[in-house]
Amino acid sequence: MNMALREWYADRELLLTGVTSDLGRALLEKILRSFPKAKVYVIVRSRDGLSKDDRIKNILLSPRCERLKQQDPNALTRVKVLEGNLMYEGFGTTTTSRALLRNVSVVLHAAGPHEKLLQFCQELPRLEAVAAFTSVFQGQGNRISESLEKEHGLDGPVALVRVPLVGPALSEPMPGFVDVLKGPTALMVGAGLALGNAEFQAEIIPIDLAVNTLIAVAWERATAAKSLQGSIVYNATSIDCTWGELIKKSQRGNKKFSYPTFGLRGMTSIAVMYWILVALFEWLPSAFCDTILGLFGAKKRLLEEHRRVRNALRSVESISSRPWSVERTRVFQLQQRLAPTDRDAFPVVTEIDVESYVLCTAAAAKKYCVDETNITLVKIFRLLFLLLIATVLLCAFLSYRHHVPAKHHEL
């Protein structure tokens, strides 16, 4: 019988790459919180005036790690940061740094090109498993199988975890947690109109389920080495609803935690209509309000928010405009192979209450992704627009009432 997941990971030395990405930050937090005796190495490059150590400290000081800090205030002491760059050969690390990794048995690759991964891992004498994230849509047709036909240079104890669009957390570190506004989040919180076919399956995975899948896949790849020869691929699961159902179920959250942008919410597959509606009901009001703010010497901010939302939603377009057929047999089998306690702690497939999910996402987005000043300004300008429209209609009505008797008198 295979060793249970948490027992297998308990006191291992792990190498994590790409920890400054969204998936990488979530992975680091989950590893440190779940395996308090594990030692973690990370490869990070100094950037924008911040050292490699400063960048990791900032991650652990972020709201994402509040739960971790409460459980283990000294979690940072278990993280050894190596200077490097994932775009370079040997990930830009020194010979001295690589010597520190001699006891690493698991490599979890959260970002960057995985083609160079095996070459780097060949120097790890105790390596048992490598698990790497990649996109389920990258280089694939509409039908995506669990094969490695389009992957090159992969051999050894490697498993690829292909993920769809990564959305906010389902439950960990807290329900709906999100601190970066990307496409799925912008759609779920009703930040603006999206281009796509509402009848197609919403290919989105909560970020914590994606992280759980990577961790569980590495465990299975190592403990089932005899039955899983060579490299293998897992297509991670997605939420079980269409884009239209997702948008419909998000309406409650949109009303309670409205996003500070103008315009219509939802999705349309008609490109011309989409651009007209975005220009008239999103861009134009934002530009008008910024003009007024500028006249009063205030900071122009609504067009900037509009552009941020448009850039986020643009990343969804190519996915939401096509139907996808994804084979997911292995990930369902993986869920069954986990021990009951591991299945609860590291679910890779689970039933999702979509309405509750998007409601929590809307609350988290308001707290961590939204400028409160923008909320106030949008509310004020919407009220002014309504008052202006009401005034125009009232004047038109009074003018009509004033002229009608005169015409009757002439008759």
Protein backbone atom coordinates (compact mmCIF):
# COMPACT_ATOMS: atom_id res chain seq x y z
CA MET A 1 0.00 0.00 0.00
CA ASN A 2 1.33 3.45 -0.93
CA MET A 3 2.28 5.90 1.80
CA ALA A 4 -0.40 8.56 2.38
CA LEU A 5 0.27 11.99 0.92
CA ARG A 6 0.87 13.96 4.10
CA GLU A 7 3.03 11.23 5.57
CA TRP A 8 5.08 11.06 2.37
CA TYR A 9 5.67 14.83 2.25
CA ALA A 10 6.13 15.22 6.02
CA ASP A 11 9.86 16.00 6.38
CA ARG A 12 11.04 16.18 2.78
CA GLU A 13 13.19 18.83 1.15
CA LEU A 14 11.33 20.46 -1.75
CA LEU A 15 12.32 22.81 -4.55
CA LEU A 16 9.68 25.30 -5.68
CA THR A 17 10.10 27.46 -8.78
CA GLY A 18 7.99 30.36 -9.98
CA VAL A 19 6.91 31.30 -6.44
CA THR A 20 6.41 34.97 -7.33
CA SER A 21 3.62 34.08 -9.77
CA ASP A 22 -0.02 33.79 -8.60
CA LEU A 23 0.13 29.99 -8.65
CA GLY A 24 3.58 30.01 -7.09
CA ARG A 25 2.55 32.20 -4.14
CA ALA A 26 -0.46 29.99 -3.48
CA LEU A 27 1.72 26.87 -3.74
CA LEU A 28 4.32 28.21 -1.29
CA GLU A 29 1.64 29.13 1.25
CA LYS A 30 -0.03 25.72 1.01
CA ILE A 31 3.24 23.78 1.31
CA LEU A 32 4.43 25.72 4.36
CA ARG A 33 1.06 25.48 6.09
CA SER A 34 0.45 21.80 5.32
CA PHE A 35 3.90 20.37 6.00
CA PRO A 36 5.39 22.14 9.05
CA LYS A 37 8.52 19.95 9.03
CA ALA A 38 9.28 20.24 5.32
CA LYS A 39 12.23 22.32 4.15
CA VAL A 40 11.59 24.47 1.09
CA TYR A 41 14.06 25.85 -1.44
CA VAL A 42 12.91 28.52 -3.89
CA ILE A 43 14.63 30.10 -6.89
CA VAL A 44 13.99 33.84 -7.17
CA ARG A 45 15.79 36.70 -8.89
CA SER A 46 16.39 40.10 -7.36
CA ARG A 47 14.25 42.68 -9.16
CA ASP A 48 13.07 46.30 -9.03
CA GLY A 49 15.40 47.15 -6.17
CA LEU A 50 14.24 44.19 -4.07
CA SER A 51 16.57 41.35 -3.15
CA LYS A 52 15.53 37.73 -3.53
CA ASP A 53 14.93 37.51 0.22
CA ASP A 54 12.86 40.71 0.25
CA ARG A 55 10.57 39.35 -2.46
CA ILE A 56 9.87 36.19 -0.44
CA LYS A 57 9.32 38.22 2.74
CA ASN A 58 6.75 40.34 0.88
CA ILE A 59 4.87 37.20 -0.12
CA LEU A 60 4.74 35.96 3.47
CA LEU A 61 3.64 39.40 4.69
CA SER A 62 0.74 39.53 2.21
CA PRO A 63 -2.92 38.87 3.15
CA ARG A 64 -2.64 35.48 1.43
CA CYS A 65 -0.40 34.26 4.25
CA GLU A 66 -2.42 35.52 7.23
CA ARG A 67 -3.58 32.01 8.10
CA LEU A 68 -0.04 30.65 7.74
CA LYS A 69 1.39 33.34 10.02
CA GLN A 70 -1.16 32.52 12.69
CA GLN A 71 -0.34 28.82 12.56
CA ASP A 72 3.42 29.13 12.12
CA PRO A 73 4.92 32.60 12.76
CA ASN A 74 8.38 31.21 11.97
CA ALA A 75 7.48 29.69 8.60
CA LEU A 76 10.05 31.88 6.83
CA THR A 77 12.88 30.06 8.62
CA ARG A 78 12.02 26.93 6.61
CA VAL A 79 12.50 28.72 3.29
CA LYS A 80 15.94 28.91 1.69
CA VAL A 81 16.03 31.44 -1.16
CA LEU A 82 18.45 30.90 -4.06
CA GLU A 83 19.29 33.61 -6.58
CA GLY A 84 18.37 32.57 -10.12
CA ASN A 85 16.36 33.17 -13.27
CA LEU A 86 14.09 30.54 -14.82
CA MET A 87 14.82 31.81 -18.34
CA TYR A 88 18.51 30.87 -18.17
CA GLU A 89 20.30 27.55 -18.43
CA GLY A 90 20.55 25.96 -15.02
CA PHE A 91 17.91 28.49 -13.98
CA GLY A 92 20.71 31.00 -13.52
CA THR A 93 21.88 29.39 -10.27
CA THR A 94 25.47 28.99 -9.12
CA THR A 95 27.26 25.68 -8.55
CA THR A 96 27.30 26.46 -4.83
CA SER A 97 23.53 27.00 -4.78
CA ARG A 98 22.84 23.80 -6.67
CA ALA A 99 24.98 21.87 -4.16
CA LEU A 100 22.49 22.86 -1.45
CA LEU A 101 19.78 20.92 -3.29
CA ARG A 102 21.43 17.50 -2.94
CA ASN A 103 18.66 16.23 -0.61
CA VAL A 104 15.74 17.59 -2.66
CA SER A 105 13.40 14.77 -3.68
CA VAL A 106 10.46 16.76 -5.11
CA VAL A 107 10.44 19.66 -7.56
CA LEU A 108 7.23 21.67 -7.97
CA HIS A 109 7.40 24.00 -10.97
CA ALA A 110 4.81 26.80 -10.85
CA ALA A 111 5.85 29.06 -13.71
CA GLY A 112 8.22 29.50 -16.62
CA PRO A 113 9.31 27.10 -19.37
CA HIS A 114 9.24 23.48 -18.22
CA GLU A 115 11.37 22.34 -21.18
CA LYS A 116 14.56 23.24 -19.25
CA LEU A 117 13.31 21.67 -16.07
CA LEU A 118 14.59 18.12 -16.56
CA GLN A 119 18.05 19.30 -17.56
CA PHE A 120 18.24 21.22 -14.29
CA CYS A 121 16.82 18.33 -12.25
CA GLN A 122 19.39 15.83 -13.56
CA GLU A 123 21.81 17.19 -10.98
CA LEU A 124 19.49 16.25 -8.09
CA PRO A 125 20.69 12.79 -6.91
CA ARG A 126 17.64 12.03 -4.71
CA LEU A 127 14.94 13.24 -7.07
CA GLU A 128 11.74 11.17 -6.99
CA ALA A 129 9.18 13.37 -8.74
CA VAL A 130 8.84 16.55 -10.76
CA ALA A 131 5.42 18.17 -11.23
CA ALA A 132 4.99 21.25 -13.42
CA PHE A 133 2.11 23.55 -14.27
CA THR A 134 1.30 24.28 -17.90
CA SER A 135 -1.77 25.63 -19.70
CA VAL A 136 -4.40 23.18 -20.88
CA PHE A 137 -4.91 25.43 -23.94
CA GLN A 138 -1.26 25.81 -24.95
CA GLY A 139 -0.62 24.29 -28.37
CA GLN A 140 -3.82 22.25 -28.16
CA GLY A 141 -6.86 21.89 -30.39
CA ASN A 142 -10.43 21.94 -29.13
CA ARG A 143 -10.12 18.29 -28.04
CA ILE A 144 -7.47 17.90 -25.34
CA SER A 145 -6.38 14.39 -24.43
CA GLU A 146 -4.15 13.17 -21.61
CA SER A 147 -1.17 12.62 -23.85
CA LEU A 148 2.29 14.11 -24.32
CA GLU A 149 2.23 14.17 -28.11
CA LYS A 150 2.87 17.90 -28.30
CA GLU A 151 5.44 17.99 -25.49
CA HIS A 152 9.16 17.67 -26.24
CA GLY A 153 12.24 16.94 -24.17
CA LEU A 154 10.37 15.36 -21.26
CA ASP A 155 11.57 12.12 -19.75
CA GLY A 156 11.97 10.66 -16.29
CA PRO A 157 9.71 11.01 -13.21
CA VAL A 158 7.85 14.00 -14.63
CA ALA A 159 4.17 14.91 -14.48
CA LEU A 160 2.59 17.89 -16.22
CA VAL A 161 -0.51 19.44 -14.70
CA ARG A 162 -2.42 21.26 -17.41
CA VAL A 163 -4.71 23.89 -15.90
CA PRO A 164 -7.51 25.97 -17.43
CA LEU A 165 -7.91 29.66 -16.53
CA VAL A 166 -6.98 30.07 -12.88
CA GLY A 167 -9.64 31.76 -10.76
CA PRO A 168 -9.96 32.87 -7.13
CA ALA A 169 -9.60 30.43 -4.25
CA LEU A 170 -12.49 28.13 -3.46
CA SER A 171 -11.67 27.72 0.23
CA GLU A 172 -7.96 28.24 0.99
CA PRO A 173 -6.43 30.27 2.44
CA MET A 174 -9.95 31.73 2.72
CA PRO A 175 -13.10 31.39 0.57
CA GLY A 176 -12.96 33.52 -2.57
CA PHE A 177 -9.53 34.94 -1.81
CA VAL A 178 -8.02 36.94 -4.65
CA ASP A 179 -5.51 39.79 -4.60
CA VAL A 180 -4.89 40.28 -8.33
CA LEU A 181 -7.60 41.23 -10.83
CA LYS A 182 -7.31 38.81 -13.75
CA GLY A 183 -9.79 37.67 -16.38
CA PRO A 184 -11.85 35.08 -14.46
CA THR A 185 -12.10 37.35 -11.42
CA ALA A 186 -13.12 40.39 -13.50
CA LEU A 187 -15.87 38.31 -15.10
CA MET A 188 -17.09 36.81 -11.82
CA VAL A 189 -17.34 40.15 -10.01
CA GLY A 190 -19.16 41.81 -12.92
CA ALA A 191 -16.46 44.34 -13.70
CA GLY A 192 -17.55 44.71 -17.32
CA LEU A 193 -18.94 43.15 -20.47
CA ALA A 194 -17.05 40.11 -21.82
CA LEU A 195 -16.76 38.74 -25.35
CA GLY A 196 -17.57 35.05 -25.68
CA ASN A 197 -20.26 32.42 -26.07
CA ALA A 198 -22.27 32.08 -22.86
CA GLU A 199 -23.33 28.53 -23.77
CA PHE A 200 -19.78 27.10 -23.67
CA GLN A 201 -18.26 25.46 -20.60
CA ALA A 202 -16.51 27.88 -18.23
CA GLU A 203 -12.94 26.59 -18.22
CA ILE A 204 -11.88 27.99 -14.83
CA ILE A 205 -10.22 26.26 -11.90
CA PRO A 206 -10.02 27.73 -8.37
CA ILE A 207 -6.37 28.39 -7.59
CA ASP A 208 -6.34 26.23 -4.46
CA LEU A 209 -7.64 23.21 -6.41
CA ALA A 210 -4.87 23.76 -8.96
CA VAL A 211 -2.24 23.81 -6.19
CA ASN A 212 -3.71 20.70 -4.56
CA THR A 213 -3.55 18.92 -7.90
CA LEU A 214 0.15 19.72 -8.38
CA ILE A 215 1.00 18.51 -4.89
CA ALA A 216 -1.05 15.31 -5.25
CA VAL A 217 0.28 14.58 -8.73
CA ALA A 218 3.90 14.70 -7.50
CA TRP A 219 2.98 12.28 -4.70
CA GLU A 220 1.31 9.85 -7.10
CA ARG A 221 4.12 10.09 -9.65
CA ALA A 222 6.65 9.08 -6.99
CA THR A 223 4.68 6.48 -5.03
CA ALA A 224 3.26 4.78 -8.13
CA ALA A 225 6.54 4.83 -10.04
CA LYS A 226 6.22 1.19 -11.12
CA SER A 227 2.82 1.64 -12.72
CA LEU A 228 3.49 5.16 -14.07
CA GLN A 229 6.52 4.79 -16.32
CA GLY A 230 8.03 7.89 -17.91
CA SER A 231 6.37 11.28 -18.16
CA ILE A 232 2.64 11.64 -17.66
CA VAL A 233 0.03 14.38 -17.98
CA TYR A 234 -3.00 15.34 -15.91
CA ASN A 235 -5.68 17.75 -17.13
CA ALA A 236 -6.92 19.58 -14.04
CA THR A 237 -10.65 19.91 -13.43
CA SER A 238 -12.79 23.03 -13.94
CA ILE A 239 -15.92 24.42 -12.32
CA ASP A 240 -19.02 22.62 -13.56
CA CYS A 241 -21.05 25.34 -15.30
CA THR A 242 -21.26 27.39 -18.49
CA TRP A 243 -20.10 30.98 -18.82
CA GLY A 244 -23.73 32.06 -18.85
CA GLU A 245 -24.54 30.15 -15.67
CA LEU A 246 -21.46 31.61 -13.99
CA ILE A 247 -22.52 35.15 -14.88
CA LYS A 248 -26.11 34.55 -13.80
CA LYS A 249 -25.08 33.12 -10.44
CA SER A 250 -22.71 36.04 -9.88
CA GLN A 251 -25.51 38.62 -9.97
CA ARG A 252 -26.13 38.41 -6.22
CA GLY A 253 -22.48 39.19 -5.51
CA ASN A 254 -22.45 41.98 -8.12
CA LYS A 255 -25.34 43.72 -6.36
CA LYS A 256 -23.90 43.38 -2.87
CA PHE A 257 -20.27 44.14 -3.80
CA SER A 258 -20.55 46.20 -6.99
CA TYR A 259 -17.37 46.77 -8.96
CA PRO A 260 -16.43 50.46 -9.55
CA THR A 261 -16.82 50.60 -13.31
CA PHE A 262 -19.55 51.79 -15.64
CA GLY A 263 -21.24 49.78 -18.34
CA LEU A 264 -23.17 46.58 -18.86
CA ARG A 265 -22.32 43.26 -17.25
CA GLY A 266 -22.46 39.84 -18.87
CA MET A 267 -21.25 38.29 -22.12
CA THR A 268 -22.04 38.58 -25.81
CA SER A 269 -20.70 36.67 -28.81
CA ILE A 270 -21.41 39.52 -31.28
CA ALA A 271 -18.11 41.38 -31.64
CA VAL A 272 -19.53 44.56 -33.20
CA MET A 273 -22.18 44.91 -30.51
CA TYR A 274 -19.56 44.21 -27.87
CA TRP A 275 -17.28 47.04 -28.99
CA ILE A 276 -20.17 49.49 -29.38
CA LEU A 277 -21.50 48.74 -25.89
CA VAL A 278 -18.04 48.96 -24.33
CA ALA A 279 -17.34 52.30 -26.04
CA LEU A 280 -20.71 53.88 -25.21
CA PHE A 281 -21.38 52.54 -21.74
CA GLU A 282 -17.88 51.94 -20.31
CA TRP A 283 -15.26 54.10 -22.01
CA LEU A 284 -17.38 57.22 -22.65
CA PRO A 285 -18.75 57.60 -19.07
CA SER A 286 -15.27 56.90 -17.65
CA ALA A 287 -13.70 59.54 -19.91
CA PHE A 288 -16.45 62.06 -19.08
CA CYS A 289 -16.00 61.52 -15.33
CA ASP A 290 -12.22 61.84 -15.56
CA THR A 291 -12.68 65.11 -17.44
CA ILE A 292 -14.85 66.46 -14.62
CA LEU A 293 -12.35 65.27 -12.02
CA GLY A 294 -9.57 66.98 -13.96
CA LEU A 295 -11.50 70.26 -14.03
CA PHE A 296 -11.70 70.18 -10.25
CA GLY A 297 -8.02 69.33 -9.93
CA ALA A 298 -8.66 65.80 -8.70
CA LYS A 299 -6.80 62.68 -9.80
CA LYS A 300 -8.15 61.06 -12.97
CA ARG A 301 -8.74 57.41 -12.10
CA LEU A 302 -11.82 55.91 -13.80
CA LEU A 303 -10.29 55.47 -17.26
CA GLU A 304 -7.36 53.72 -15.62
CA GLU A 305 -9.76 51.31 -13.90
CA HIS A 306 -11.59 50.80 -17.19
CA ARG A 307 -8.32 49.85 -18.93
CA ARG A 308 -7.38 47.49 -16.10
CA VAL A 309 -10.69 45.65 -16.43
CA ARG A 310 -10.50 45.55 -20.23
CA ASN A 311 -6.99 44.06 -20.10
CA ALA A 312 -8.16 41.44 -17.62
CA LEU A 313 -11.25 40.43 -19.60
CA ARG A 314 -9.27 40.31 -22.85
CA SER A 315 -7.40 37.27 -21.51
CA VAL A 316 -10.71 35.37 -21.32
CA GLU A 317 -11.85 36.06 -24.89
CA SER A 318 -9.89 33.37 -26.73
CA ILE A 319 -11.05 30.75 -24.23
CA SER A 320 -14.70 31.77 -23.85
CA SER A 321 -15.21 32.05 -27.62
CA ARG A 322 -14.47 28.36 -28.31
CA PRO A 323 -15.85 25.05 -27.04
CA TRP A 324 -13.33 22.80 -25.32
CA SER A 325 -13.45 19.05 -24.83
CA VAL A 326 -10.96 18.05 -22.14
CA GLU A 327 -10.21 14.50 -21.04
CA ARG A 328 -9.88 14.41 -17.24
CA THR A 329 -9.81 10.71 -16.37
CA ARG A 330 -6.51 10.74 -14.48
CA VAL A 331 -7.40 13.58 -12.13
CA PHE A 332 -10.64 11.83 -11.12
CA GLN A 333 -8.69 8.62 -10.52
CA LEU A 334 -6.16 10.58 -8.47
CA GLN A 335 -8.93 11.89 -6.21
CA GLN A 336 -10.01 8.31 -5.48
CA ARG A 337 -6.46 7.15 -4.72
CA LEU A 338 -6.00 9.74 -1.98
CA ALA A 339 -6.65 8.62 1.58
CA PRO A 340 -9.89 10.09 3.03
CA THR A 341 -8.02 12.56 5.26
CA ASP A 342 -5.79 13.65 2.36
CA ARG A 343 -8.83 13.95 0.14
CA ASP A 344 -10.28 16.48 2.57
CA ALA A 345 -7.02 18.41 2.95
CA PHE A 346 -5.95 18.28 -0.73
CA PRO A 347 -9.10 17.94 -2.85
CA VAL A 348 -8.38 17.92 -6.57
CA VAL A 349 -12.01 17.36 -7.61
CA THR A 350 -14.91 18.67 -5.56
CA GLU A 351 -18.50 19.81 -5.94
CA ILE A 352 -18.67 23.59 -6.10
CA ASP A 353 -21.56 25.81 -5.06
CA VAL A 354 -20.92 28.35 -7.81
CA GLU A 355 -23.21 31.05 -6.40
CA SER A 356 -21.48 30.90 -3.00
CA TYR A 357 -18.09 30.82 -4.74
CA VAL A 358 -18.66 34.00 -6.72
CA LEU A 359 -20.25 35.76 -3.74
CA CYS A 360 -17.11 35.14 -1.68
CA THR A 361 -14.99 36.22 -4.64
CA ALA A 362 -16.88 39.51 -4.95
CA ALA A 363 -16.36 40.21 -1.25
CA ALA A 364 -12.64 39.40 -1.43
CA ALA A 365 -12.14 41.42 -4.63
CA LYS A 366 -13.73 44.45 -2.99
CA LYS A 367 -11.38 44.10 -0.03
CA TYR A 368 -8.12 43.36 -1.83
CA CYS A 369 -8.45 44.52 -5.47
CA VAL A 370 -10.61 47.65 -5.37
CA ASP A 371 -9.85 51.25 -4.48
CA GLU A 372 -12.61 52.44 -2.12
CA THR A 373 -12.34 55.95 -3.59
CA ASN A 374 -13.32 54.58 -7.00
CA ILE A 375 -16.42 52.94 -5.51
CA THR A 376 -17.50 56.25 -4.01
CA LEU A 377 -16.86 58.18 -7.23
CA VAL A 378 -18.80 55.72 -9.41
CA LYS A 379 -21.75 55.86 -7.01
CA ILE A 380 -21.71 59.67 -7.05
CA PHE A 381 -21.50 59.93 -10.83
CA ARG A 382 -24.19 57.30 -11.35
CA LEU A 383 -26.47 59.27 -9.03
CA LEU A 384 -25.67 62.49 -10.91
CA PHE A 385 -26.41 60.78 -14.25
CA LEU A 386 -29.76 59.55 -12.92
CA LEU A 387 -30.62 63.01 -11.61
CA LEU A 388 -29.62 64.53 -14.95
CA ILE A 389 -31.78 62.06 -16.89
CA ALA A 390 -34.70 62.60 -14.49
CA THR A 391 -34.37 66.38 -14.84
CA VAL A 392 -34.31 66.17 -18.66
CA LEU A 393 -37.36 63.91 -18.70
CA LEU A 394 -39.23 66.15 -16.26
CA CYS A 395 -38.47 69.26 -18.33
CA ALA A 396 -39.59 67.46 -21.48
CA PHE A 397 -42.80 66.37 -19.81
CA LEU A 398 -43.59 69.86 -18.47
CA SER A 399 -42.86 71.38 -21.85
CA TYR A 400 -45.18 68.87 -23.49
CA ARG A 401 -47.96 69.61 -20.97
CA HIS A 402 -47.50 73.33 -21.53
CA HIS A 403 -47.92 73.13 -25.32
CA VAL A 404 -50.73 70.61 -25.57
CA PRO A 405 -53.54 72.93 -24.23
CA ALA A 406 -52.42 75.72 -26.52
CA LYS A 407 -52.77 73.48 -29.56
CA HIS A 408 -56.22 72.35 -28.43
CA HIS A 409 -57.27 75.97 -27.98
CA GLU A 410 -56.21 76.79 -31.54
CA LEU A 411 -58.36 73.98 -32.85
